[in-house]
């Protein structure tokens, strides 16, 4: 082992010669110590590794710089989209108010923002582009989250308001469809009104008349005055053959002294649909229709649900 270590020491530190023997020139001799050659080799390896690392670092920097440019462009697009969305929300709120005004609705809870708050939000929206033009580390995350939360909240409130308008319109349409609004028969004159009257049978006794009497020709068509469901048909004491229709929303109508009833209990009927013919069944002095309108369980004057042109004396 000593000889080997000694040989290694001699190899590293003693001079060595390398001789080049070109044919046309004299010999060239190089004398060096292997130890220094090893040192130079290690330095070359270290410089090479450092150079490779530097190259990769520059490449990584270039890639990161390109990615940052792409990200900045994307952030600019997001800022423009957010600003555009805010304009759409503002327009939606304006449309909301106009629709409520046309439908006679109150403003409700969804769009009654204090003017100062609304203006403040609009002023903050202008800062979207400025915010996203900053460096990534300078963007205030809390401020950004606040913007996004406001956008989401405003969109949800606007949607809820439009849903309220849709519900109101559908409900109003249903109420309109359920409200008696046409005469129950055509070309007939009113022979008896709503309220107290003397008995038509000559007894000179006053009684309360809960509807209107329409006199007409036998078998004149009788129509439902609103959409509804037939609740009762058939004989009904002094009304004779009668039909009772439930229209919903507290409305119901009764048609008496009929002939040839064309609907049955449980049928759904539409306004203007023929349900029977005019007759003189029950306690009647002649061919006519007895027509009643009830609201919330109380009889009301049917004249209030007819237009002037429909009222013939």
C-alpha atoms as a PDB file:
ATOM      1  CA  UNK A   1       0.000   0.000   0.000  1.00  0.00           C
ATOM      2  CA  UNK A   2       2.864   2.356   0.777  1.00  0.00           C
ATOM      3  CA  UNK A   3       4.353   1.749  -2.643  1.00  0.00           C
ATOM      4  CA  UNK A   4       0.987   2.493  -4.293  1.00  0.00           C
ATOM      5  CA  UNK A   5       0.529   5.723  -2.347  1.00  0.00           C
ATOM      6  CA  UNK A   6       4.084   6.655  -3.137  1.00  0.00           C
ATOM      7  CA  UNK A   7       3.582   5.920  -6.809  1.00  0.00           C
ATOM      8  CA  UNK A   8       0.390   8.024  -6.842  1.00  0.00           C
ATOM      9  CA  UNK A   9       2.226  10.888  -5.204  1.00  0.00           C
ATOM     10  CA  UNK A  10       4.996  10.646  -7.742  1.00  0.00           C
ATOM     11  CA  UNK A  11       2.443  10.506 -10.533  1.00  0.00           C
ATOM     12  CA  UNK A  12       0.715  13.668  -9.347  1.00  0.00           C
ATOM     13  CA  UNK A  13       3.627  15.828  -8.355  1.00  0.00           C
ATOM     14  CA  UNK A  14       6.594  14.784 -10.455  1.00  0.00           C
ATOM     15  CA  UNK A  15       7.195  16.255 -13.866  1.00  0.00           C
ATOM     16  CA  UNK A  16       5.932  14.428 -16.885  1.00  0.00           C
ATOM     17  CA  UNK A  17       6.843  15.010 -20.501  1.00  0.00           C
ATOM     18  CA  UNK A  18       4.743  14.633 -23.616  1.00  0.00           C
ATOM     19  CA  UNK A  19       6.684  14.507 -26.859  1.00  0.00           C
ATOM     20  CA  UNK A  20       5.128  15.197 -30.278  1.00  0.00           C
ATOM     21  CA  UNK A  21       7.159  13.810 -33.166  1.00  0.00           C
ATOM     22  CA  UNK A  22       5.929  15.373 -36.456  1.00  0.00           C
ATOM     23  CA  UNK A  23       7.646  13.960 -39.542  1.00  0.00           C
ATOM     24  CA  UNK A  24       8.718  17.284 -40.992  1.00  0.00           C
ATOM     25  CA  UNK A  25       9.549  19.124 -37.793  1.00  0.00           C
ATOM     26  CA  UNK A  26      11.678  18.566 -34.799  1.00  0.00           C
ATOM     27  CA  UNK A  27      10.168  17.004 -31.708  1.00  0.00           C
ATOM     28  CA  UNK A  28       8.066  19.192 -29.425  1.00  0.00           C
ATOM     29  CA  UNK A  29       8.230  18.527 -25.738  1.00  0.00           C
ATOM     30  CA  UNK A  30       5.684  19.535 -23.066  1.00  0.00           C
ATOM     31  CA  UNK A  31       6.553  19.198 -19.447  1.00  0.00           C
ATOM     32  CA  UNK A  32       3.842  19.439 -16.758  1.00  0.00           C
ATOM     33  CA  UNK A  33       2.731  18.050 -13.470  1.00  0.00           C
ATOM     34  CA  UNK A  34      -0.490  15.883 -13.539  1.00  0.00           C
ATOM     35  CA  UNK A  35      -1.699  17.509 -10.324  1.00  0.00           C
ATOM     36  CA  UNK A  36      -2.043  20.879 -12.021  1.00  0.00           C
ATOM     37  CA  UNK A  37      -3.671  19.237 -15.032  1.00  0.00           C
ATOM     38  CA  UNK A  38      -6.239  17.665 -12.683  1.00  0.00           C
ATOM     39  CA  UNK A  39      -6.889  21.068 -11.067  1.00  0.00           C
ATOM     40  CA  UNK A  40      -7.415  22.657 -14.475  1.00  0.00           C
ATOM     41  CA  UNK A  41      -9.761  19.846 -15.476  1.00  0.00           C
ATOM     42  CA  UNK A  42     -11.861  20.303 -12.337  1.00  0.00           C
ATOM     43  CA  UNK A  43     -11.992  24.075 -12.931  1.00  0.00           C
ATOM     44  CA  UNK A  44     -13.148  23.427 -16.500  1.00  0.00           C
ATOM     45  CA  UNK A  45     -15.900  21.104 -15.224  1.00  0.00           C
ATOM     46  CA  UNK A  46     -17.030  23.734 -12.678  1.00  0.00           C
ATOM     47  CA  UNK A  47     -17.052  26.504 -15.286  1.00  0.00           C
ATOM     48  CA  UNK A  48     -19.000  24.292 -17.682  1.00  0.00           C
ATOM     49  CA  UNK A  49     -21.602  23.455 -15.022  1.00  0.00           C
ATOM     50  CA  UNK A  50     -21.900  27.131 -14.069  1.00  0.00           C
ATOM     51  CA  UNK A  51     -22.317  28.118 -17.732  1.00  0.00           C
ATOM     52  CA  UNK A  52     -25.029  25.487 -18.256  1.00  0.00           C
ATOM     53  CA  UNK A  53     -26.872  26.669 -15.131  1.00  0.00           C
ATOM     54  CA  UNK A  54     -26.601  30.260 -16.297  1.00  0.00           C
ATOM     55  CA  UNK A  55     -28.031  29.341 -19.693  1.00  0.00           C
ATOM     56  CA  UNK A  56     -30.943  27.478 -18.121  1.00  0.00           C
ATOM     57  CA  UNK A  57     -31.549  30.391 -15.761  1.00  0.00           C
ATOM     58  CA  UNK A  58     -31.694  32.806 -18.693  1.00  0.00           C
ATOM     59  CA  UNK A  59     -34.009  30.482 -20.596  1.00  0.00           C
ATOM     60  CA  UNK A  60     -36.255  30.132 -17.534  1.00  0.00           C
ATOM     61  CA  UNK A  61     -36.272  33.913 -17.114  1.00  0.00           C
ATOM     62  CA  UNK A  62     -37.223  34.388 -20.757  1.00  0.00           C
ATOM     63  CA  UNK A  63     -40.023  31.839 -20.418  1.00  0.00           C
ATOM     64  CA  UNK A  64     -41.275  33.481 -17.213  1.00  0.00           C
ATOM     65  CA  UNK A  65     -41.138  36.897 -18.858  1.00  0.00           C
ATOM     66  CA  UNK A  66     -43.166  35.610 -21.823  1.00  0.00           C
ATOM     67  CA  UNK A  67     -45.662  33.957 -19.467  1.00  0.00           C
ATOM     68  CA  UNK A  68     -45.981  37.211 -17.514  1.00  0.00           C
ATOM     69  CA  UNK A  69     -46.771  39.077 -20.720  1.00  0.00           C
ATOM     70  CA  UNK A  70     -49.429  36.507 -21.601  1.00  0.00           C
ATOM     71  CA  UNK A  71     -50.813  36.686 -18.065  1.00  0.00           C
ATOM     72  CA  UNK A  72     -50.873  40.477 -18.180  1.00  0.00           C
ATOM     73  CA  UNK A  73     -52.761  40.357 -21.481  1.00  0.00           C
ATOM     74  CA  UNK A  74     -55.247  37.900 -19.977  1.00  0.00           C
ATOM     75  CA  UNK A  75     -55.707  40.116 -16.921  1.00  0.00           C
ATOM     76  CA  UNK A  76     -56.397  43.043 -19.251  1.00  0.00           C
ATOM     77  CA  UNK A  77     -59.072  40.980 -21.003  1.00  0.00           C
ATOM     78  CA  UNK A  78     -60.566  40.003 -17.637  1.00  0.00           C
ATOM     79  CA  UNK A  79     -60.634  43.661 -16.589  1.00  0.00           C
ATOM     80  CA  UNK A  80     -62.466  44.614 -19.776  1.00  0.00           C
ATOM     81  CA  UNK A  81     -64.921  41.738 -19.322  1.00  0.00           C
ATOM     82  CA  UNK A  82     -65.626  42.709 -15.712  1.00  0.00           C
ATOM     83  CA  UNK A  83     -66.197  46.332 -16.720  1.00  0.00           C
ATOM     84  CA  UNK A  84     -68.523  45.172 -19.514  1.00  0.00           C
ATOM     85  CA  UNK A  85     -70.415  42.933 -17.094  1.00  0.00           C
ATOM     86  CA  UNK A  86     -70.900  45.854 -14.727  1.00  0.00           C
ATOM     87  CA  UNK A  87     -72.414  47.844 -17.595  1.00  0.00           C
ATOM     88  CA  UNK A  88     -74.765  44.963 -18.363  1.00  0.00           C
ATOM     89  CA  UNK A  89     -75.809  44.755 -14.710  1.00  0.00           C
ATOM     90  CA  UNK A  90     -76.441  48.498 -14.664  1.00  0.00           C
ATOM     91  CA  UNK A  91     -78.544  48.196 -17.833  1.00  0.00           C
ATOM     92  CA  UNK A  92     -80.404  45.235 -16.321  1.00  0.00           C
ATOM     93  CA  UNK A  93     -81.264  47.305 -13.234  1.00  0.00           C
ATOM     94  CA  UNK A  94     -82.573  50.093 -15.473  1.00  0.00           C
ATOM     95  CA  UNK A  95     -84.682  47.581 -17.420  1.00  0.00           C
ATOM     96  CA  UNK A  96     -85.870  46.154 -14.110  1.00  0.00           C
ATOM     97  CA  UNK A  97     -87.151  49.561 -12.979  1.00  0.00           C
ATOM     98  CA  UNK A  98     -88.866  50.165 -16.320  1.00  0.00           C
ATOM     99  CA  UNK A  99     -90.609  46.776 -16.238  1.00  0.00           C
ATOM    100  CA  UNK A 100     -91.788  47.351 -12.672  1.00  0.00           C
ATOM    101  CA  UNK A 101     -93.127  50.741 -13.677  1.00  0.00           C
ATOM    102  CA  UNK A 102     -95.015  49.287 -16.647  1.00  0.00           C
ATOM    103  CA  UNK A 103     -96.507  46.524 -14.492  1.00  0.00           C
ATOM    104  CA  UNK A 104     -97.391  48.902 -11.664  1.00  0.00           C
ATOM    105  CA  UNK A 105     -95.057  47.103  -9.256  1.00  0.00           C
ATOM    106  CA  UNK A 106     -93.239  48.674  -6.355  1.00  0.00           C
ATOM    107  CA  UNK A 107     -89.468  48.844  -6.553  1.00  0.00           C
ATOM    108  CA  UNK A 108     -89.110  46.052  -4.029  1.00  0.00           C
ATOM    109  CA  UNK A 109     -85.955  45.212  -2.092  1.00  0.00           C
ATOM    110  CA  UNK A 110     -83.707  44.227  -4.955  1.00  0.00           C
ATOM    111  CA  UNK A 111     -82.975  47.498  -6.753  1.00  0.00           C
ATOM    112  CA  UNK A 112     -83.497  50.114  -4.047  1.00  0.00           C
ATOM    113  CA  UNK A 113     -79.799  50.793  -3.523  1.00  0.00           C
ATOM    114  CA  UNK A 114     -78.883  54.077  -1.838  1.00  0.00           C
ATOM    115  CA  UNK A 115     -77.595  56.456  -4.511  1.00  0.00           C
ATOM    116  CA  UNK A 116     -74.289  56.938  -2.718  1.00  0.00           C
ATOM    117  CA  UNK A 117     -73.613  53.205  -2.665  1.00  0.00           C
ATOM    118  CA  UNK A 118     -74.529  52.828  -6.333  1.00  0.00           C
ATOM    119  CA  UNK A 119     -72.294  55.734  -7.346  1.00  0.00           C
ATOM    120  CA  UNK A 120     -69.466  54.434  -5.215  1.00  0.00           C
ATOM    121  CA  UNK A 121     -69.614  51.093  -6.919  1.00  0.00           C
ATOM    122  CA  UNK A 122     -69.586  52.650 -10.365  1.00  0.00           C
ATOM    123  CA  UNK A 123     -66.555  54.738  -9.436  1.00  0.00           C
ATOM    124  CA  UNK A 124     -64.704  51.676  -8.192  1.00  0.00           C
ATOM    125  CA  UNK A 125     -65.439  49.811 -11.389  1.00  0.00           C
ATOM    126  CA  UNK A 126     -63.381  52.386 -13.313  1.00  0.00           C
ATOM    127  CA  UNK A 127     -60.319  51.118 -11.397  1.00  0.00           C
ATOM    128  CA  UNK A 128     -60.483  47.610 -12.856  1.00  0.00           C
ATOM    129  CA  UNK A 129     -57.974  48.243 -15.625  1.00  0.00           C
ATOM    130  CA  UNK A 130     -55.683  50.183 -13.304  1.00  0.00           C
ATOM    131  CA  UNK A 131     -55.732  47.351 -10.804  1.00  0.00           C
ATOM    132  CA  UNK A 132     -54.856  44.644 -13.311  1.00  0.00           C
ATOM    133  CA  UNK A 133     -52.114  46.740 -14.905  1.00  0.00           C
ATOM    134  CA  UNK A 134     -50.045  46.465 -11.726  1.00  0.00           C
ATOM    135  CA  UNK A 135     -47.431  43.811 -11.096  1.00  0.00           C
ATOM    136  CA  UNK A 136     -48.769  40.554  -9.743  1.00  0.00           C
ATOM    137  CA  UNK A 137     -47.273  41.141  -6.300  1.00  0.00           C
ATOM    138  CA  UNK A 138     -48.869  44.612  -6.156  1.00  0.00           C
ATOM    139  CA  UNK A 139     -52.455  43.447  -6.820  1.00  0.00           C
ATOM    140  CA  UNK A 140     -54.520  43.742  -3.664  1.00  0.00           C
ATOM    141  CA  UNK A 141     -56.193  40.351  -3.289  1.00  0.00           C
ATOM    142  CA  UNK A 142     -58.749  41.655  -0.796  1.00  0.00           C
ATOM    143  CA  UNK A 143     -59.726  44.473  -3.164  1.00  0.00           C
ATOM    144  CA  UNK A 144     -60.056  42.035  -6.060  1.00  0.00           C
ATOM    145  CA  UNK A 145     -62.199  39.666  -4.001  1.00  0.00           C
ATOM    146  CA  UNK A 146     -64.373  42.623  -3.002  1.00  0.00           C
ATOM    147  CA  UNK A 147     -64.943  43.512  -6.669  1.00  0.00           C
ATOM    148  CA  UNK A 148     -65.813  39.947  -7.595  1.00  0.00           C
ATOM    149  CA  UNK A 149     -68.137  39.573  -4.608  1.00  0.00           C
ATOM    150  CA  UNK A 150     -69.954  42.790  -5.542  1.00  0.00           C
ATOM    151  CA  UNK A 151     -70.391  41.582  -9.117  1.00  0.00           C
ATOM    152  CA  UNK A 152     -71.761  38.241  -7.948  1.00  0.00           C
ATOM    153  CA  UNK A 153     -74.071  39.877  -5.397  1.00  0.00           C
ATOM    154  CA  UNK A 154     -75.426  42.387  -7.926  1.00  0.00           C
ATOM    155  CA  UNK A 155     -75.997  39.650 -10.513  1.00  0.00           C
ATOM    156  CA  UNK A 156     -77.842  37.501  -7.945  1.00  0.00           C
ATOM    157  CA  UNK A 157     -80.012  40.422  -6.833  1.00  0.00           C
ATOM    158  CA  UNK A 158     -80.832  41.353 -10.423  1.00  0.00           C
ATOM    159  CA  UNK A 159     -81.767  37.750 -11.203  1.00  0.00           C
ATOM    160  CA  UNK A 160     -83.938  37.577  -8.070  1.00  0.00           C
ATOM    161  CA  UNK A 161     -85.658  40.809  -9.071  1.00  0.00           C
ATOM    162  CA  UNK A 162     -86.418  39.525 -12.571  1.00  0.00           C
ATOM    163  CA  UNK A 163     -87.760  36.309 -11.041  1.00  0.00           C
ATOM    164  CA  UNK A 164     -90.011  38.427  -8.835  1.00  0.00           C
ATOM    165  CA  UNK A 165     -91.222  40.343 -11.891  1.00  0.00           C
ATOM    166  CA  UNK A 166     -91.880  37.079 -13.768  1.00  0.00           C
ATOM    167  CA  UNK A 167     -93.825  35.713 -10.799  1.00  0.00           C
ATOM    168  CA  UNK A 168     -95.790  38.958 -10.496  1.00  0.00           C
ATOM    169  CA  UNK A 169     -96.621  38.981 -14.214  1.00  0.00           C
ATOM    170  CA  UNK A 170     -97.673  35.311 -14.203  1.00  0.00           C
ATOM    171  CA  UNK A 171     -99.756  35.875 -11.089  1.00  0.00           C
ATOM    172  CA  UNK A 172    -101.353  39.006 -12.540  1.00  0.00           C
ATOM    173  CA  UNK A 173    -102.105  37.141 -15.757  1.00  0.00           C
ATOM    174  CA  UNK A 174    -103.708  34.345 -13.764  1.00  0.00           C
ATOM    175  CA  UNK A 175    -105.754  36.876 -11.789  1.00  0.00           C
ATOM    176  CA  UNK A 176    -106.797  38.535 -15.031  1.00  0.00           C
ATOM    177  CA  UNK A 177    -107.815  35.212 -16.549  1.00  0.00           C
ATOM    178  CA  UNK A 178    -109.749  34.364 -13.383  1.00  0.00           C
ATOM    179  CA  UNK A 179    -111.607  37.693 -13.184  1.00  0.00           C
ATOM    180  CA  UNK A 180    -115.102  37.726 -14.790  1.00  0.00           C
ATOM    181  CA  UNK A 181    -114.892  40.322 -17.545  1.00  0.00           C
ATOM    182  CA  UNK A 182    -117.337  39.513 -20.352  1.00  0.00           C
ATOM    183  CA  UNK A 183    -121.135  39.321 -20.471  1.00  0.00           C
ATOM    184  CA  UNK A 184    -122.397  35.747 -19.941  1.00  0.00           C
ATOM    185  CA  UNK A 185    -124.606  35.960 -23.029  1.00  0.00           C
ATOM    186  CA  UNK A 186    -124.780  38.049 -26.176  1.00  0.00           C
ATOM    187  CA  UNK A 187    -127.595  40.295 -27.406  1.00  0.00           C
ATOM    188  CA  UNK A 188    -129.520  40.080 -24.129  1.00  0.00           C
ATOM    189  CA  UNK A 189    -130.925  42.943 -22.089  1.00  0.00           C
ATOM    190  CA  UNK A 190    -130.706  43.339 -18.337  1.00  0.00           C
ATOM    191  CA  UNK A 191    -134.181  43.051 -16.831  1.00  0.00           C
ATOM    192  CA  UNK A 192    -133.305  43.023 -13.149  1.00  0.00           C
ATOM    193  CA  UNK A 193    -130.353  44.503 -11.302  1.00  0.00           C
ATOM    194  CA  UNK A 194    -128.339  43.729  -8.194  1.00  0.00           C
ATOM    195  CA  UNK A 195    -129.823  44.644  -4.816  1.00  0.00           C
ATOM    196  CA  UNK A 196    -133.272  44.940  -3.226  1.00  0.00           C
ATOM    197  CA  UNK A 197    -136.313  44.565  -5.508  1.00  0.00           C
ATOM    198  CA  UNK A 198    -139.991  43.674  -5.324  1.00  0.00           C
ATOM    199  CA  UNK A 199    -140.839  40.064  -5.991  1.00  0.00           C
ATOM    200  CA  UNK A 200    -141.494  39.486  -9.717  1.00  0.00           C
ATOM    201  CA  UNK A 201    -144.255  37.045  -8.761  1.00  0.00           C
ATOM    202  CA  UNK A 202    -146.668  39.778  -7.657  1.00  0.00           C
ATOM    203  CA  UNK A 203    -146.378  39.255  -3.893  1.00  0.00           C
ATOM    204  CA  UNK A 204    -145.163  42.863  -3.327  1.00  0.00           C
ATOM    205  CA  UNK A 205    -142.502  41.484  -0.993  1.00  0.00           C
ATOM    206  CA  UNK A 206    -139.034  43.035  -1.226  1.00  0.00           C
ATOM    207  CA  UNK A 207    -136.091  40.650  -1.440  1.00  0.00           C
ATOM    208  CA  UNK A 208    -132.406  40.951  -2.148  1.00  0.00           C
ATOM    209  CA  UNK A 209    -131.379  39.992  -5.667  1.00  0.00           C
ATOM    210  CA  UNK A 210    -127.786  38.718  -5.675  1.00  0.00           C
ATOM    211  CA  UNK A 211    -127.156  38.971  -9.409  1.00  0.00           C
ATOM    212  CA  UNK A 212    -128.292  40.278 -12.786  1.00  0.00           C
ATOM    213  CA  UNK A 213    -131.075  38.879 -14.946  1.00  0.00           C
ATOM    214  CA  UNK A 214    -130.474  38.798 -18.696  1.00  0.00           C
ATOM    215  CA  UNK A 215    -133.542  38.262 -20.867  1.00  0.00           C
ATOM    216  CA  UNK A 216    -133.074  36.718 -24.305  1.00  0.00           C
ATOM    217  CA  UNK A 217    -134.312  34.211 -26.822  1.00  0.00           C
ATOM    218  CA  UNK A 218    -134.753  30.569 -25.841  1.00  0.00           C
ATOM    219  CA  UNK A 219    -131.555  28.528 -26.169  1.00  0.00           C
ATOM    220  CA  UNK A 220    -129.336  31.616 -26.400  1.00  0.00           C
ATOM    221  CA  UNK A 221    -125.732  30.590 -25.723  1.00  0.00           C
ATOM    222  CA  UNK A 222    -124.434  31.013 -22.151  1.00  0.00           C
ATOM    223  CA  UNK A 223    -120.678  31.481 -21.771  1.00  0.00           C
ATOM    224  CA  UNK A 224    -118.201  31.237 -18.908  1.00  0.00           C
ATOM    225  CA  UNK A 225    -117.079  34.765 -18.069  1.00  0.00           C
ATOM    226  CA  UNK A 226    -113.565  33.731 -16.934  1.00  0.00           C
ATOM    227  CA  UNK A 227    -111.278  30.712 -16.801  1.00  0.00           C
ATOM    228  CA  UNK A 228    -112.086  28.247 -14.051  1.00  0.00           C
ATOM    229  CA  UNK A 229    -113.205  24.808 -12.932  1.00  0.00           C
ATOM    230  CA  UNK A 230    -116.828  23.649 -12.839  1.00  0.00           C
ATOM    231  CA  UNK A 231    -117.723  22.853  -9.223  1.00  0.00           C
ATOM    232  CA  UNK A 232    -121.420  22.047  -9.510  1.00  0.00           C
ATOM    233  CA  UNK A 233    -124.012  21.398 -12.208  1.00  0.00           C
ATOM    234  CA  UNK A 234    -127.665  20.382 -12.079  1.00  0.00           C
ATOM    235  CA  UNK A 235    -130.786  21.363 -10.197  1.00  0.00           C
ATOM    236  CA  UNK A 236    -130.342  24.045  -7.502  1.00  0.00           C
ATOM    237  CA  UNK A 237    -133.629  24.955  -5.804  1.00  0.00           C
ATOM    238  CA  UNK A 238    -135.026  28.247  -7.160  1.00  0.00           C
ATOM    239  CA  UNK A 239    -132.158  28.536  -9.669  1.00  0.00           C
ATOM    240  CA  UNK A 240    -133.399  25.507 -11.606  1.00  0.00           C
ATOM    241  CA  UNK A 241    -130.681  23.999 -13.776  1.00  0.00           C
ATOM    242  CA  UNK A 242    -127.493  25.824 -12.780  1.00  0.00           C
ATOM    243  CA  UNK A 243    -123.732  25.815 -13.159  1.00  0.00           C
ATOM    244  CA  UNK A 244    -121.264  26.986 -10.515  1.00  0.00           C
ATOM    245  CA  UNK A 245    -117.698  27.800 -11.666  1.00  0.00           C
ATOM    246  CA  UNK A 246    -114.737  28.368  -9.350  1.00  0.00           C
ATOM    247  CA  UNK A 247    -112.250  30.736 -10.983  1.00  0.00           C
ATOM    248  CA  UNK A 248    -109.680  30.875  -8.199  1.00  0.00           C
ATOM    249  CA  UNK A 249    -108.292  33.975  -6.476  1.00  0.00           C
ATOM    250  CA  UNK A 250    -111.569  34.242  -4.555  1.00  0.00           C
ATOM    251  CA  UNK A 251    -113.813  34.476  -7.651  1.00  0.00           C
ATOM    252  CA  UNK A 252    -116.774  32.242  -8.511  1.00  0.00           C
ATOM    253  CA  UNK A 253    -119.779  32.697 -10.811  1.00  0.00           C
ATOM    254  CA  UNK A 254    -123.235  31.136 -10.865  1.00  0.00           C
ATOM    255  CA  UNK A 255    -125.491  30.720 -13.919  1.00  0.00           C
ATOM    256  CA  UNK A 256    -129.172  29.869 -13.267  1.00  0.00           C
ATOM    257  CA  UNK A 257    -132.396  28.913 -15.110  1.00  0.00           C
ATOM    258  CA  UNK A 258    -130.380  27.054 -17.764  1.00  0.00           C
ATOM    259  CA  UNK A 259    -131.262  24.510 -20.383  1.00  0.00           C
ATOM    260  CA  UNK A 260    -129.022  21.949 -22.063  1.00  0.00           C
ATOM    261  CA  UNK A 261    -125.991  22.152 -19.741  1.00  0.00           C
ATOM    262  CA  UNK A 262    -122.848  21.251 -21.727  1.00  0.00           C
ATOM    263  CA  UNK A 263    -120.284  20.880 -18.949  1.00  0.00           C
ATOM    264  CA  UNK A 264    -119.930  18.585 -15.990  1.00  0.00           C
ATOM    265  CA  UNK A 265    -118.405  18.819 -12.556  1.00  0.00           C
ATOM    266  CA  UNK A 266    -114.587  18.984 -12.661  1.00  0.00           C
ATOM    267  CA  UNK A 267    -114.365  20.337 -16.215  1.00  0.00           C
ATOM    268  CA  UNK A 268    -111.863  23.131 -16.860  1.00  0.00           C
ATOM    269  CA  UNK A 269    -113.400  25.969 -18.847  1.00  0.00           C
ATOM    270  CA  UNK A 270    -112.021  29.027 -20.614  1.00  0.00           C
ATOM    271  CA  UNK A 271    -113.452  32.525 -20.819  1.00  0.00           C
ATOM    272  CA  UNK A 272    -116.012  32.624 -23.640  1.00  0.00           C
ATOM    273  CA  UNK A 273    -116.559  28.858 -23.663  1.00  0.00           C
ATOM    274  CA  UNK A 274    -120.234  27.854 -24.083  1.00  0.00           C
ATOM    275  CA  UNK A 275    -121.443  26.015 -20.988  1.00  0.00           C
ATOM    276  CA  UNK A 276    -125.229  25.890 -21.510  1.00  0.00           C
ATOM    277  CA  UNK A 277    -128.284  27.443 -23.212  1.00  0.00           C
ATOM    278  CA  UNK A 278    -130.668  30.025 -21.796  1.00  0.00           C
ATOM    279  CA  UNK A 279    -133.862  28.526 -20.397  1.00  0.00           C
ATOM    280  CA  UNK A 280    -136.623  29.057 -17.877  1.00  0.00           C
ATOM    281  CA  UNK A 281    -136.026  26.247 -15.383  1.00  0.00           C
ATOM    282  CA  UNK A 282    -136.628  26.720 -11.679  1.00  0.00           C
ATOM    283  CA  UNK A 283    -138.610  29.618 -10.281  1.00  0.00           C
ATOM    284  CA  UNK A 284    -138.745  31.842 -13.349  1.00  0.00           C
ATOM    285  CA  UNK A 285    -141.213  34.207 -15.001  1.00  0.00           C
ATOM    286  CA  UNK A 286    -139.754  33.687 -18.472  1.00  0.00           C
ATOM    287  CA  UNK A 287    -136.692  32.810 -20.515  1.00  0.00           C
ATOM    288  CA  UNK A 288    -133.690  34.500 -18.934  1.00  0.00           C
ATOM    289  CA  UNK A 289    -130.323  33.958 -17.269  1.00  0.00           C
ATOM    290  CA  UNK A 290    -129.686  34.668 -13.612  1.00  0.00           C
ATOM    291  CA  UNK A 291    -125.990  35.545 -13.278  1.00  0.00           C
ATOM    292  CA  UNK A 292    -124.084  36.013 -10.014  1.00  0.00           C
ATOM    293  CA  UNK A 293    -120.457  36.958  -9.204  1.00  0.00           C
ATOM    294  CA  UNK A 294    -118.986  36.070  -5.813  1.00  0.00           C
ATOM    295  CA  UNK A 295    -115.703  37.451  -4.429  1.00  0.00           C
ATOM    296  CA  UNK A 296    -114.149  35.954  -1.302  1.00  0.00           C
ATOM    297  CA  UNK A 297    -117.451  34.338  -0.345  1.00  0.00           C
ATOM    298  CA  UNK A 298    -119.529  37.481  -0.762  1.00  0.00           C
ATOM    299  CA  UNK A 299    -121.891  38.281  -3.682  1.00  0.00           C
ATOM    300  CA  UNK A 300    -120.877  41.432  -5.566  1.00  0.00           C
ATOM    301  CA  UNK A 301    -122.569  43.454  -8.272  1.00  0.00           C
ATOM    302  CA  UNK A 302    -121.728  41.840 -11.661  1.00  0.00           C
ATOM    303  CA  UNK A 303    -122.044  45.283 -13.310  1.00  0.00           C
ATOM    304  CA  UNK A 304    -118.653  46.143 -11.847  1.00  0.00           C
ATOM    305  CA  UNK A 305    -117.084  43.442 -14.040  1.00  0.00           C
ATOM    306  CA  UNK A 306    -118.759  44.486 -17.289  1.00  0.00           C
ATOM    307  CA  UNK A 307    -117.949  47.268 -19.720  1.00  0.00           C
ATOM    308  CA  UNK A 308    -120.480  49.986 -20.496  1.00  0.00           C
ATOM    309  CA  UNK A 309    -120.989  48.692 -24.014  1.00  0.00           C
ATOM    310  CA  UNK A 310    -122.008  45.324 -22.551  1.00  0.00           C
ATOM    311  CA  UNK A 311    -124.738  46.849 -20.387  1.00  0.00           C
ATOM    312  CA  UNK A 312    -128.035  46.992 -22.250  1.00  0.00           C
ATOM    313  CA  UNK A 313    -131.057  48.300 -20.369  1.00  0.00           C
END
